[in-house]
């Protein structure tokens, strides 16, 4: 276990993170998340709001306690990269751009952020080794790859607050941000937690097309268009299918409705490749794609995890909705 907790080391780590292209960086301890967050998670799971995401019910002890992920863990370095807002000329006309067009959510218009952020975090971990003059240190890199309450930890590290849309929200960058963490055995100086700044705003709740968000703070994944079009593996029937509109993969409504997102600067990370050719997409053409065309089109995208059959499922729903408009 390393005993090198100094302000200069912590500041050097954060400076290096910003040099690598992260928009936000903060540090928190590897202690368990707060009692309120833990209680909410358990209540959310017990209510069935995780829908078909069975993995959310596993590894609860690790999810609420970063130290359970790695022996000797002392600190969590929390990072974020902004991916929005997309310029207005790209955003215009979500449901009216064309009666035969499908829409991919903002975050998925970039190269696979999991790969991109893991590479950046590895570079940061290597830099920590250099700062320690090669002395042994342990680091575990996490980008949606470990049972970790990443939003709670990011809030505790000062990156932002958890808004009513249940997204981590930064008052400067809004809620269109991607998160990554390094769990390490180095004892670093923790940052102060961020304070909630939603005030009386509930615009995200009203913007949700399916009512997945509620004023009492609940979030029902089974109604969420992002869940339905990305995580859900079966058919999508009835009223929910109709409310998907022409959203082919994911949904941006609750993040775009946030005033902090609306006032945020455009994404600055030029290294994160943007694919404008993925928006919009011809729905009828997608239904004719052979599997290899899907794999080729989305080779470096988060969309590829969906697979060609579920992508076509979504396209059929979107096409029917366009015809019904």
C-alpha atoms as a PDB file:
ATOM      1  CA  UNK A   1       0.000   0.000   0.000  1.00  0.00           C
ATOM      2  CA  UNK A   2       1.401   3.327  -1.007  1.00  0.00           C
ATOM      3  CA  UNK A   3       1.555   6.262   1.408  1.00  0.00           C
ATOM      4  CA  UNK A   4       2.203   9.102  -1.036  1.00  0.00           C
ATOM      5  CA  UNK A   5      -0.839  11.319  -0.444  1.00  0.00           C
ATOM      6  CA  UNK A   6       0.389  14.829  -1.167  1.00  0.00           C
ATOM      7  CA  UNK A   7      -1.395  17.826  -2.636  1.00  0.00           C
ATOM      8  CA  UNK A   8       1.313  18.194  -5.295  1.00  0.00           C
ATOM      9  CA  UNK A   9       0.867  14.610  -6.500  1.00  0.00           C
ATOM     10  CA  UNK A  10      -2.909  14.979  -6.672  1.00  0.00           C
ATOM     11  CA  UNK A  11      -2.651  18.248  -8.584  1.00  0.00           C
ATOM     12  CA  UNK A  12      -0.085  16.722 -10.944  1.00  0.00           C
ATOM     13  CA  UNK A  13      -2.417  13.820 -11.696  1.00  0.00           C
ATOM     14  CA  UNK A  14      -5.292  16.196 -12.467  1.00  0.00           C
ATOM     15  CA  UNK A  15      -3.098  18.448 -14.597  1.00  0.00           C
ATOM     16  CA  UNK A  16      -1.956  15.452 -16.630  1.00  0.00           C
ATOM     17  CA  UNK A  17      -5.565  14.317 -17.101  1.00  0.00           C
ATOM     18  CA  UNK A  18      -6.489  17.680 -18.584  1.00  0.00           C
ATOM     19  CA  UNK A  19      -3.417  17.574 -20.825  1.00  0.00           C
ATOM     20  CA  UNK A  20      -4.595  14.201 -22.138  1.00  0.00           C
ATOM     21  CA  UNK A  21      -7.882  15.750 -23.232  1.00  0.00           C
ATOM     22  CA  UNK A  22     -10.290  15.056 -20.385  1.00  0.00           C
ATOM     23  CA  UNK A  23     -12.690  17.938 -19.851  1.00  0.00           C
ATOM     24  CA  UNK A  24     -13.225  17.221 -16.158  1.00  0.00           C
ATOM     25  CA  UNK A  25     -11.210  15.421 -13.511  1.00  0.00           C
ATOM     26  CA  UNK A  26     -11.670  15.021  -9.788  1.00  0.00           C
ATOM     27  CA  UNK A  27     -10.577  12.701  -7.011  1.00  0.00           C
ATOM     28  CA  UNK A  28     -12.535  10.942  -4.306  1.00  0.00           C
ATOM     29  CA  UNK A  29     -11.750   8.247  -1.790  1.00  0.00           C
ATOM     30  CA  UNK A  30     -12.400   4.552  -2.380  1.00  0.00           C
ATOM     31  CA  UNK A  31     -14.869   4.537   0.497  1.00  0.00           C
ATOM     32  CA  UNK A  32     -18.431   3.282  -0.104  1.00  0.00           C
ATOM     33  CA  UNK A  33     -20.915   5.655  -1.695  1.00  0.00           C
ATOM     34  CA  UNK A  34     -23.248   7.541   0.637  1.00  0.00           C
ATOM     35  CA  UNK A  35     -26.093   5.925   2.534  1.00  0.00           C
ATOM     36  CA  UNK A  36     -28.717   7.864   0.567  1.00  0.00           C
ATOM     37  CA  UNK A  37     -27.313   6.716  -2.778  1.00  0.00           C
ATOM     38  CA  UNK A  38     -27.091   3.130  -1.547  1.00  0.00           C
ATOM     39  CA  UNK A  39     -30.676   3.194  -0.282  1.00  0.00           C
ATOM     40  CA  UNK A  40     -31.923   4.655  -3.566  1.00  0.00           C
ATOM     41  CA  UNK A  41     -30.128   1.982  -5.592  1.00  0.00           C
ATOM     42  CA  UNK A  42     -31.663  -0.795  -3.520  1.00  0.00           C
ATOM     43  CA  UNK A  43     -35.133   0.731  -3.724  1.00  0.00           C
ATOM     44  CA  UNK A  44     -34.765   1.210  -7.491  1.00  0.00           C
ATOM     45  CA  UNK A  45     -33.781  -2.433  -7.938  1.00  0.00           C
ATOM     46  CA  UNK A  46     -36.535  -3.710  -5.641  1.00  0.00           C
ATOM     47  CA  UNK A  47     -39.133  -1.731  -7.611  1.00  0.00           C
ATOM     48  CA  UNK A  48     -38.109  -3.520 -10.805  1.00  0.00           C
ATOM     49  CA  UNK A  49     -36.932  -0.328 -12.468  1.00  0.00           C
ATOM     50  CA  UNK A  50     -33.808  -2.037 -13.823  1.00  0.00           C
ATOM     51  CA  UNK A  51     -36.150  -3.890 -16.211  1.00  0.00           C
ATOM     52  CA  UNK A  52     -34.165  -6.516 -18.144  1.00  0.00           C
ATOM     53  CA  UNK A  53     -30.744  -5.344 -16.959  1.00  0.00           C
ATOM     54  CA  UNK A  54     -30.126  -8.340 -14.719  1.00  0.00           C
ATOM     55  CA  UNK A  55     -26.473  -7.395 -14.313  1.00  0.00           C
ATOM     56  CA  UNK A  56     -27.585  -4.464 -12.166  1.00  0.00           C
ATOM     57  CA  UNK A  57     -28.684  -6.944  -9.491  1.00  0.00           C
ATOM     58  CA  UNK A  58     -25.255  -8.590  -9.361  1.00  0.00           C
ATOM     59  CA  UNK A  59     -22.163  -7.484  -7.438  1.00  0.00           C
ATOM     60  CA  UNK A  60     -24.046  -4.942  -5.321  1.00  0.00           C
ATOM     61  CA  UNK A  61     -21.289  -4.952  -2.691  1.00  0.00           C
ATOM     62  CA  UNK A  62     -18.750  -3.937  -5.338  1.00  0.00           C
ATOM     63  CA  UNK A  63     -21.095  -1.461  -6.984  1.00  0.00           C
ATOM     64  CA  UNK A  64     -21.433   0.586  -3.809  1.00  0.00           C
ATOM     65  CA  UNK A  65     -17.836   0.152  -2.600  1.00  0.00           C
ATOM     66  CA  UNK A  66     -14.901   0.852  -4.965  1.00  0.00           C
ATOM     67  CA  UNK A  67     -12.484  -0.752  -2.502  1.00  0.00           C
ATOM     68  CA  UNK A  68     -14.197  -4.086  -3.151  1.00  0.00           C
ATOM     69  CA  UNK A  69     -13.084  -3.901  -6.789  1.00  0.00           C
ATOM     70  CA  UNK A  70      -9.378  -3.894  -6.003  1.00  0.00           C
ATOM     71  CA  UNK A  71      -7.423  -4.936  -2.946  1.00  0.00           C
ATOM     72  CA  UNK A  72      -5.764  -1.976  -1.274  1.00  0.00           C
ATOM     73  CA  UNK A  73      -7.781   0.645  -3.165  1.00  0.00           C
ATOM     74  CA  UNK A  74      -7.461   4.113  -1.632  1.00  0.00           C
ATOM     75  CA  UNK A  75      -8.647   6.600  -4.244  1.00  0.00           C
ATOM     76  CA  UNK A  76     -10.806   6.921  -7.350  1.00  0.00           C
ATOM     77  CA  UNK A  77      -9.773   9.318 -10.101  1.00  0.00           C
ATOM     78  CA  UNK A  78     -12.969  10.358 -11.895  1.00  0.00           C
ATOM     79  CA  UNK A  79     -12.794  11.812 -15.403  1.00  0.00           C
ATOM     80  CA  UNK A  80     -15.266  13.062 -17.986  1.00  0.00           C
ATOM     81  CA  UNK A  81     -15.306  14.034 -21.650  1.00  0.00           C
ATOM     82  CA  UNK A  82     -18.075  16.213 -23.087  1.00  0.00           C
ATOM     83  CA  UNK A  83     -19.668  14.975 -26.306  1.00  0.00           C
ATOM     84  CA  UNK A  84     -22.287  17.656 -26.849  1.00  0.00           C
ATOM     85  CA  UNK A  85     -24.147  19.626 -27.650  1.00  0.00           C
ATOM     86  CA  UNK A  86     -24.094  18.716 -31.333  1.00  0.00           C
ATOM     87  CA  UNK A  87     -24.254  21.900 -33.495  1.00  0.00           C
ATOM     88  CA  UNK A  88     -27.770  23.190 -34.148  1.00  0.00           C
ATOM     89  CA  UNK A  89     -27.671  22.363 -37.853  1.00  0.00           C
ATOM     90  CA  UNK A  90     -27.088  18.710 -36.934  1.00  0.00           C
ATOM     91  CA  UNK A  91     -29.789  18.676 -34.250  1.00  0.00           C
ATOM     92  CA  UNK A  92     -32.589  20.314 -36.206  1.00  0.00           C
ATOM     93  CA  UNK A  93     -35.654  18.271 -36.976  1.00  0.00           C
ATOM     94  CA  UNK A  94     -35.401  15.147 -34.846  1.00  0.00           C
ATOM     95  CA  UNK A  95     -38.853  13.936 -35.881  1.00  0.00           C
ATOM     96  CA  UNK A  96     -39.273  16.000 -39.050  1.00  0.00           C
ATOM     97  CA  UNK A  97     -35.939  15.681 -40.886  1.00  0.00           C
ATOM     98  CA  UNK A  98     -37.502  13.101 -43.212  1.00  0.00           C
ATOM     99  CA  UNK A  99     -40.392  10.714 -43.018  1.00  0.00           C
ATOM    100  CA  UNK A 100     -38.026   7.852 -43.806  1.00  0.00           C
ATOM    101  CA  UNK A 101     -35.033   8.786 -41.672  1.00  0.00           C
ATOM    102  CA  UNK A 102     -33.811   7.282 -38.391  1.00  0.00           C
ATOM    103  CA  UNK A 103     -31.945   9.174 -35.702  1.00  0.00           C
ATOM    104  CA  UNK A 104     -28.969   7.990 -33.657  1.00  0.00           C
ATOM    105  CA  UNK A 105     -28.357   9.534 -30.228  1.00  0.00           C
ATOM    106  CA  UNK A 106     -25.607  12.109 -29.876  1.00  0.00           C
ATOM    107  CA  UNK A 107     -23.157   9.984 -27.866  1.00  0.00           C
ATOM    108  CA  UNK A 108     -23.250   7.206 -30.472  1.00  0.00           C
ATOM    109  CA  UNK A 109     -22.315   9.535 -33.341  1.00  0.00           C
ATOM    110  CA  UNK A 110     -18.722   9.304 -32.144  1.00  0.00           C
ATOM    111  CA  UNK A 111     -16.253   6.451 -32.217  1.00  0.00           C
ATOM    112  CA  UNK A 112     -16.715   3.905 -29.432  1.00  0.00           C
ATOM    113  CA  UNK A 113     -16.058   5.996 -26.339  1.00  0.00           C
ATOM    114  CA  UNK A 114     -15.279   2.905 -24.256  1.00  0.00           C
ATOM    115  CA  UNK A 115     -12.140   2.241 -26.308  1.00  0.00           C
ATOM    116  CA  UNK A 116     -11.235   5.919 -26.580  1.00  0.00           C
ATOM    117  CA  UNK A 117     -11.521   6.632 -22.864  1.00  0.00           C
ATOM    118  CA  UNK A 118      -9.789   3.423 -21.793  1.00  0.00           C
ATOM    119  CA  UNK A 119      -6.796   4.374 -23.931  1.00  0.00           C
ATOM    120  CA  UNK A 120      -6.726   7.839 -22.354  1.00  0.00           C
ATOM    121  CA  UNK A 121      -7.039   6.382 -18.856  1.00  0.00           C
ATOM    122  CA  UNK A 122      -4.201   3.934 -19.547  1.00  0.00           C
ATOM    123  CA  UNK A 123      -2.047   6.883 -20.562  1.00  0.00           C
ATOM    124  CA  UNK A 124      -3.019   8.631 -17.329  1.00  0.00           C
ATOM    125  CA  UNK A 125      -2.175   5.529 -15.299  1.00  0.00           C
ATOM    126  CA  UNK A 126       1.227   5.385 -17.019  1.00  0.00           C
ATOM    127  CA  UNK A 127       1.777   9.032 -16.143  1.00  0.00           C
ATOM    128  CA  UNK A 128       1.037   8.273 -12.502  1.00  0.00           C
ATOM    129  CA  UNK A 129       3.806   5.677 -12.618  1.00  0.00           C
ATOM    130  CA  UNK A 130       6.171   8.323 -13.961  1.00  0.00           C
ATOM    131  CA  UNK A 131       5.140  10.758 -11.224  1.00  0.00           C
ATOM    132  CA  UNK A 132       6.001   8.046  -8.697  1.00  0.00           C
ATOM    133  CA  UNK A 133       9.403   7.523 -10.345  1.00  0.00           C
ATOM    134  CA  UNK A 134       8.474   4.001 -11.338  1.00  0.00           C
ATOM    135  CA  UNK A 135       7.470   2.889  -7.855  1.00  0.00           C
ATOM    136  CA  UNK A 136       4.854   0.173  -7.792  1.00  0.00           C
ATOM    137  CA  UNK A 137       1.220   1.243  -7.979  1.00  0.00           C
ATOM    138  CA  UNK A 138      -2.005  -0.540  -8.797  1.00  0.00           C
ATOM    139  CA  UNK A 139      -4.646   0.924 -11.066  1.00  0.00           C
ATOM    140  CA  UNK A 140      -7.921  -0.486 -12.335  1.00  0.00           C
ATOM    141  CA  UNK A 141      -9.458   1.302 -15.303  1.00  0.00           C
ATOM    142  CA  UNK A 142     -13.254   1.409 -15.533  1.00  0.00           C
ATOM    143  CA  UNK A 143     -15.410   2.639 -18.417  1.00  0.00           C
ATOM    144  CA  UNK A 144     -18.764   0.865 -18.095  1.00  0.00           C
ATOM    145  CA  UNK A 145     -16.676  -2.272 -17.583  1.00  0.00           C
ATOM    146  CA  UNK A 146     -17.024  -2.808 -13.833  1.00  0.00           C
ATOM    147  CA  UNK A 147     -19.874  -2.726 -11.303  1.00  0.00           C
ATOM    148  CA  UNK A 148     -19.234   0.803 -10.093  1.00  0.00           C
ATOM    149  CA  UNK A 149     -21.618   3.594  -9.069  1.00  0.00           C
ATOM    150  CA  UNK A 150     -19.802   5.955 -11.394  1.00  0.00           C
ATOM    151  CA  UNK A 151     -22.232   8.876 -11.180  1.00  0.00           C
ATOM    152  CA  UNK A 152     -22.259   8.863  -7.394  1.00  0.00           C
ATOM    153  CA  UNK A 153     -18.465   8.765  -7.338  1.00  0.00           C
ATOM    154  CA  UNK A 154     -18.174  11.514  -9.959  1.00  0.00           C
ATOM    155  CA  UNK A 155     -20.501  13.710  -7.897  1.00  0.00           C
ATOM    156  CA  UNK A 156     -18.415  13.044  -4.786  1.00  0.00           C
ATOM    157  CA  UNK A 157     -15.274  13.920  -6.760  1.00  0.00           C
ATOM    158  CA  UNK A 158     -16.771  17.291  -7.667  1.00  0.00           C
ATOM    159  CA  UNK A 159     -17.388  16.690 -11.386  1.00  0.00           C
ATOM    160  CA  UNK A 160     -21.059  17.604 -11.180  1.00  0.00           C
ATOM    161  CA  UNK A 161     -24.386  16.748  -9.604  1.00  0.00           C
ATOM    162  CA  UNK A 162     -26.916  14.046 -10.458  1.00  0.00           C
ATOM    163  CA  UNK A 163     -29.827  15.804 -12.124  1.00  0.00           C
ATOM    164  CA  UNK A 164     -33.488  14.897 -12.274  1.00  0.00           C
ATOM    165  CA  UNK A 165     -32.691  13.142 -15.548  1.00  0.00           C
ATOM    166  CA  UNK A 166     -30.433  10.861 -13.460  1.00  0.00           C
ATOM    167  CA  UNK A 167     -27.429  11.962 -15.505  1.00  0.00           C
ATOM    168  CA  UNK A 168     -24.287  13.491 -14.071  1.00  0.00           C
ATOM    169  CA  UNK A 169     -24.618  17.185 -14.864  1.00  0.00           C
ATOM    170  CA  UNK A 170     -21.898  19.810 -14.834  1.00  0.00           C
ATOM    171  CA  UNK A 171     -22.998  23.437 -14.585  1.00  0.00           C
ATOM    172  CA  UNK A 172     -20.615  24.404 -17.427  1.00  0.00           C
ATOM    173  CA  UNK A 173     -20.764  21.338 -19.695  1.00  0.00           C
ATOM    174  CA  UNK A 174     -24.317  20.138 -19.084  1.00  0.00           C
ATOM    175  CA  UNK A 175     -25.294  16.476 -18.948  1.00  0.00           C
ATOM    176  CA  UNK A 176     -23.903  15.208 -22.245  1.00  0.00           C
ATOM    177  CA  UNK A 177     -20.686  13.875 -20.769  1.00  0.00           C
ATOM    178  CA  UNK A 178     -18.956  10.483 -20.744  1.00  0.00           C
ATOM    179  CA  UNK A 179     -17.448   9.080 -17.551  1.00  0.00           C
ATOM    180  CA  UNK A 180     -14.368   6.997 -16.798  1.00  0.00           C
ATOM    181  CA  UNK A 181     -12.512   6.092 -13.601  1.00  0.00           C
ATOM    182  CA  UNK A 182      -9.206   4.822 -12.288  1.00  0.00           C
ATOM    183  CA  UNK A 183      -9.369   2.959  -8.982  1.00  0.00           C
ATOM    184  CA  UNK A 184      -5.897   3.084  -7.432  1.00  0.00           C
ATOM    185  CA  UNK A 185      -4.022   2.145  -4.269  1.00  0.00           C
ATOM    186  CA  UNK A 186      -2.479   5.620  -4.100  1.00  0.00           C
ATOM    187  CA  UNK A 187      -3.907   7.831  -1.361  1.00  0.00           C
ATOM    188  CA  UNK A 188      -4.672  11.092  -3.164  1.00  0.00           C
ATOM    189  CA  UNK A 189      -6.216  14.308  -1.876  1.00  0.00           C
ATOM    190  CA  UNK A 190     -10.005  14.131  -2.438  1.00  0.00           C
ATOM    191  CA  UNK A 191     -11.947  16.998  -3.960  1.00  0.00           C
ATOM    192  CA  UNK A 192     -15.094  18.512  -2.486  1.00  0.00           C
ATOM    193  CA  UNK A 193     -18.422  17.031  -3.658  1.00  0.00           C
ATOM    194  CA  UNK A 194     -20.593  18.985  -6.077  1.00  0.00           C
ATOM    195  CA  UNK A 195     -23.847  20.506  -4.876  1.00  0.00           C
ATOM    196  CA  UNK A 196     -27.169  19.820  -6.570  1.00  0.00           C
ATOM    197  CA  UNK A 197     -28.092  22.680  -8.897  1.00  0.00           C
ATOM    198  CA  UNK A 198     -31.411  21.638 -10.473  1.00  0.00           C
ATOM    199  CA  UNK A 199     -33.285  24.012  -8.150  1.00  0.00           C
ATOM    200  CA  UNK A 200     -36.955  24.040  -9.228  1.00  0.00           C
ATOM    201  CA  UNK A 201     -36.288  22.957 -12.814  1.00  0.00           C
ATOM    202  CA  UNK A 202     -38.094  19.871 -14.105  1.00  0.00           C
ATOM    203  CA  UNK A 203     -37.695  20.353 -17.860  1.00  0.00           C
ATOM    204  CA  UNK A 204     -36.103  16.935 -18.342  1.00  0.00           C
ATOM    205  CA  UNK A 205     -39.113  15.229 -16.763  1.00  0.00           C
ATOM    206  CA  UNK A 206     -41.523  16.955 -19.122  1.00  0.00           C
ATOM    207  CA  UNK A 207     -39.304  16.252 -22.133  1.00  0.00           C
ATOM    208  CA  UNK A 208     -39.252  12.459 -21.700  1.00  0.00           C
ATOM    209  CA  UNK A 209     -41.470  11.013 -24.473  1.00  0.00           C
ATOM    210  CA  UNK A 210     -42.522   7.966 -22.440  1.00  0.00           C
ATOM    211  CA  UNK A 211     -42.783   9.236 -18.869  1.00  0.00           C
ATOM    212  CA  UNK A 212     -39.758   7.249 -17.708  1.00  0.00           C
ATOM    213  CA  UNK A 213     -38.832  10.108 -15.354  1.00  0.00           C
ATOM    214  CA  UNK A 214     -41.127  11.137 -12.525  1.00  0.00           C
ATOM    215  CA  UNK A 215     -41.304  14.148 -10.243  1.00  0.00           C
ATOM    216  CA  UNK A 216     -40.721  11.995  -7.159  1.00  0.00           C
ATOM    217  CA  UNK A 217     -37.265  11.068  -8.432  1.00  0.00           C
ATOM    218  CA  UNK A 218     -38.001   7.634  -9.865  1.00  0.00           C
ATOM    219  CA  UNK A 219     -36.636   6.426 -13.192  1.00  0.00           C
ATOM    220  CA  UNK A 220     -38.300   3.448 -14.869  1.00  0.00           C
ATOM    221  CA  UNK A 221     -35.854   1.912 -17.332  1.00  0.00           C
ATOM    222  CA  UNK A 222     -38.612  -0.185 -18.918  1.00  0.00           C
ATOM    223  CA  UNK A 223     -40.108   3.034 -20.321  1.00  0.00           C
ATOM    224  CA  UNK A 224     -36.824   4.648 -21.351  1.00  0.00           C
ATOM    225  CA  UNK A 225     -36.233   4.846 -25.114  1.00  0.00           C
ATOM    226  CA  UNK A 226     -32.485   4.431 -24.636  1.00  0.00           C
ATOM    227  CA  UNK A 227     -33.116   1.224 -22.694  1.00  0.00           C
ATOM    228  CA  UNK A 228     -35.691  -0.041 -25.202  1.00  0.00           C
ATOM    229  CA  UNK A 229     -33.551   0.606 -28.280  1.00  0.00           C
ATOM    230  CA  UNK A 230     -30.184  -0.434 -26.809  1.00  0.00           C
ATOM    231  CA  UNK A 231     -30.544  -2.846 -23.877  1.00  0.00           C
ATOM    232  CA  UNK A 232     -33.933  -4.529 -24.438  1.00  0.00           C
ATOM    233  CA  UNK A 233     -33.562  -7.808 -26.299  1.00  0.00           C
ATOM    234  CA  UNK A 234     -37.151  -8.696 -27.176  1.00  0.00           C
ATOM    235  CA  UNK A 235     -39.915  -7.148 -29.227  1.00  0.00           C
ATOM    236  CA  UNK A 236     -41.146  -3.657 -28.378  1.00  0.00           C
ATOM    237  CA  UNK A 237     -44.898  -3.533 -28.512  1.00  0.00           C
ATOM    238  CA  UNK A 238     -47.798  -1.146 -28.213  1.00  0.00           C
ATOM    239  CA  UNK A 239     -47.705   2.424 -27.035  1.00  0.00           C
ATOM    240  CA  UNK A 240     -43.995   2.392 -26.170  1.00  0.00           C
ATOM    241  CA  UNK A 241     -43.048   1.452 -29.731  1.00  0.00           C
ATOM    242  CA  UNK A 242     -45.105   4.355 -31.028  1.00  0.00           C
ATOM    243  CA  UNK A 243     -43.413   6.793 -28.664  1.00  0.00           C
ATOM    244  CA  UNK A 244     -39.969   5.833 -29.952  1.00  0.00           C
ATOM    245  CA  UNK A 245     -40.666   7.982 -33.003  1.00  0.00           C
ATOM    246  CA  UNK A 246     -37.708   7.750 -35.373  1.00  0.00           C
ATOM    247  CA  UNK A 247     -35.117   7.277 -32.639  1.00  0.00           C
ATOM    248  CA  UNK A 248     -33.081   4.429 -34.053  1.00  0.00           C
ATOM    249  CA  UNK A 249     -30.539   4.094 -31.243  1.00  0.00           C
ATOM    250  CA  UNK A 250     -30.851   5.880 -27.933  1.00  0.00           C
ATOM    251  CA  UNK A 251     -32.580   9.133 -27.005  1.00  0.00           C
ATOM    252  CA  UNK A 252     -31.316  12.620 -26.126  1.00  0.00           C
ATOM    253  CA  UNK A 253     -34.490  14.329 -24.951  1.00  0.00           C
ATOM    254  CA  UNK A 254     -33.802  14.539 -21.206  1.00  0.00           C
ATOM    255  CA  UNK A 255     -30.236  15.736 -21.708  1.00  0.00           C
ATOM    256  CA  UNK A 256     -31.097  18.279 -24.405  1.00  0.00           C
ATOM    257  CA  UNK A 257     -33.900  19.718 -22.259  1.00  0.00           C
ATOM    258  CA  UNK A 258     -31.433  20.529 -19.474  1.00  0.00           C
ATOM    259  CA  UNK A 259     -30.672  24.284 -19.365  1.00  0.00           C
ATOM    260  CA  UNK A 260     -27.052  23.509 -18.508  1.00  0.00           C
ATOM    261  CA  UNK A 261     -26.736  21.437 -21.697  1.00  0.00           C
ATOM    262  CA  UNK A 262     -28.425  24.146 -23.749  1.00  0.00           C
ATOM    263  CA  UNK A 263     -25.888  26.691 -22.506  1.00  0.00           C
ATOM    264  CA  UNK A 264     -22.866  24.395 -22.802  1.00  0.00           C
ATOM    265  CA  UNK A 265     -20.060  25.042 -25.291  1.00  0.00           C
ATOM    266  CA  UNK A 266     -19.611  22.676 -28.208  1.00  0.00           C
ATOM    267  CA  UNK A 267     -17.476  19.604 -27.549  1.00  0.00           C
ATOM    268  CA  UNK A 268     -13.781  20.468 -27.786  1.00  0.00           C
ATOM    269  CA  UNK A 269     -12.040  17.078 -28.052  1.00  0.00           C
ATOM    270  CA  UNK A 270     -10.925  16.878 -31.681  1.00  0.00           C
ATOM    271  CA  UNK A 271      -9.417  13.415 -31.129  1.00  0.00           C
ATOM    272  CA  UNK A 272     -12.832  11.829 -30.517  1.00  0.00           C
ATOM    273  CA  UNK A 273     -13.905  10.999 -34.070  1.00  0.00           C
ATOM    274  CA  UNK A 274     -17.356  12.259 -35.091  1.00  0.00           C
ATOM    275  CA  UNK A 275     -19.390  10.426 -37.759  1.00  0.00           C
ATOM    276  CA  UNK A 276     -21.897  12.839 -39.355  1.00  0.00           C
ATOM    277  CA  UNK A 277     -22.783  10.167 -41.926  1.00  0.00           C
ATOM    278  CA  UNK A 278     -24.662   8.278 -39.209  1.00  0.00           C
ATOM    279  CA  UNK A 279     -27.313  10.983 -38.889  1.00  0.00           C
ATOM    280  CA  UNK A 280     -29.855  10.671 -40.287  1.00  0.00           C
ATOM    281  CA  UNK A 281     -30.012   7.166 -41.771  1.00  0.00           C
ATOM    282  CA  UNK A 282     -32.379   5.786 -44.400  1.00  0.00           C
ATOM    283  CA  UNK A 283     -34.657   3.331 -42.602  1.00  0.00           C
ATOM    284  CA  UNK A 284     -35.763   1.381 -45.668  1.00  0.00           C
ATOM    285  CA  UNK A 285     -32.134   0.842 -46.684  1.00  0.00           C
ATOM    286  CA  UNK A 286     -31.222  -0.481 -43.234  1.00  0.00           C
ATOM    287  CA  UNK A 287     -33.858  -3.204 -43.565  1.00  0.00           C
ATOM    288  CA  UNK A 288     -32.046  -4.458 -46.681  1.00  0.00           C
ATOM    289  CA  UNK A 289     -28.583  -4.529 -45.143  1.00  0.00           C
ATOM    290  CA  UNK A 290     -26.768  -7.865 -44.935  1.00  0.00           C
ATOM    291  CA  UNK A 291     -25.127  -8.446 -41.527  1.00  0.00           C
ATOM    292  CA  UNK A 292     -21.667  -7.585 -42.823  1.00  0.00           C
ATOM    293  CA  UNK A 293     -22.821  -4.122 -43.901  1.00  0.00           C
ATOM    294  CA  UNK A 294     -23.936  -3.368 -40.357  1.00  0.00           C
ATOM    295  CA  UNK A 295     -20.618  -4.621 -38.976  1.00  0.00           C
ATOM    296  CA  UNK A 296     -18.659  -2.538 -41.473  1.00  0.00           C
ATOM    297  CA  UNK A 297     -20.692   0.627 -40.939  1.00  0.00           C
ATOM    298  CA  UNK A 298     -20.424   0.560 -37.145  1.00  0.00           C
ATOM    299  CA  UNK A 299     -17.027  -1.102 -36.730  1.00  0.00           C
ATOM    300  CA  UNK A 300     -15.779   1.613 -34.355  1.00  0.00           C
ATOM    301  CA  UNK A 301     -19.123   2.557 -32.810  1.00  0.00           C
ATOM    302  CA  UNK A 302     -21.053   1.730 -29.663  1.00  0.00           C
ATOM    303  CA  UNK A 303     -23.923   0.831 -32.015  1.00  0.00           C
ATOM    304  CA  UNK A 304     -22.161  -2.402 -32.959  1.00  0.00           C
ATOM    305  CA  UNK A 305     -23.037  -3.978 -29.614  1.00  0.00           C
ATOM    306  CA  UNK A 306     -26.684  -3.952 -30.703  1.00  0.00           C
ATOM    307  CA  UNK A 307     -26.119  -6.405 -33.548  1.00  0.00           C
ATOM    308  CA  UNK A 308     -27.800  -6.281 -36.971  1.00  0.00           C
ATOM    309  CA  UNK A 309     -31.069  -7.959 -35.988  1.00  0.00           C
ATOM    310  CA  UNK A 310     -31.962  -5.623 -33.135  1.00  0.00           C
ATOM    311  CA  UNK A 311     -30.854  -2.656 -35.248  1.00  0.00           C
ATOM    312  CA  UNK A 312     -33.337  -3.770 -37.896  1.00  0.00           C
ATOM    313  CA  UNK A 313     -35.981  -4.248 -35.197  1.00  0.00           C
ATOM    314  CA  UNK A 314     -35.529  -0.612 -34.273  1.00  0.00           C
ATOM    315  CA  UNK A 315     -35.568   0.442 -37.934  1.00  0.00           C
ATOM    316  CA  UNK A 316     -38.884  -1.339 -38.525  1.00  0.00           C
ATOM    317  CA  UNK A 317     -40.439   0.443 -35.550  1.00  0.00           C
ATOM    318  CA  UNK A 318     -39.106   3.817 -36.689  1.00  0.00           C
ATOM    319  CA  UNK A 319     -40.299   3.275 -40.254  1.00  0.00           C
ATOM    320  CA  UNK A 320     -43.794   2.370 -39.085  1.00  0.00           C
ATOM    321  CA  UNK A 321     -43.878   5.414 -36.833  1.00  0.00           C
ATOM    322  CA  UNK A 322     -42.811   7.656 -39.716  1.00  0.00           C
ATOM    323  CA  UNK A 323     -45.586   6.248 -41.894  1.00  0.00           C
ATOM    324  CA  UNK A 324     -48.118   6.810 -39.115  1.00  0.00           C
ATOM    325  CA  UNK A 325     -47.173  10.478 -38.662  1.00  0.00           C
END
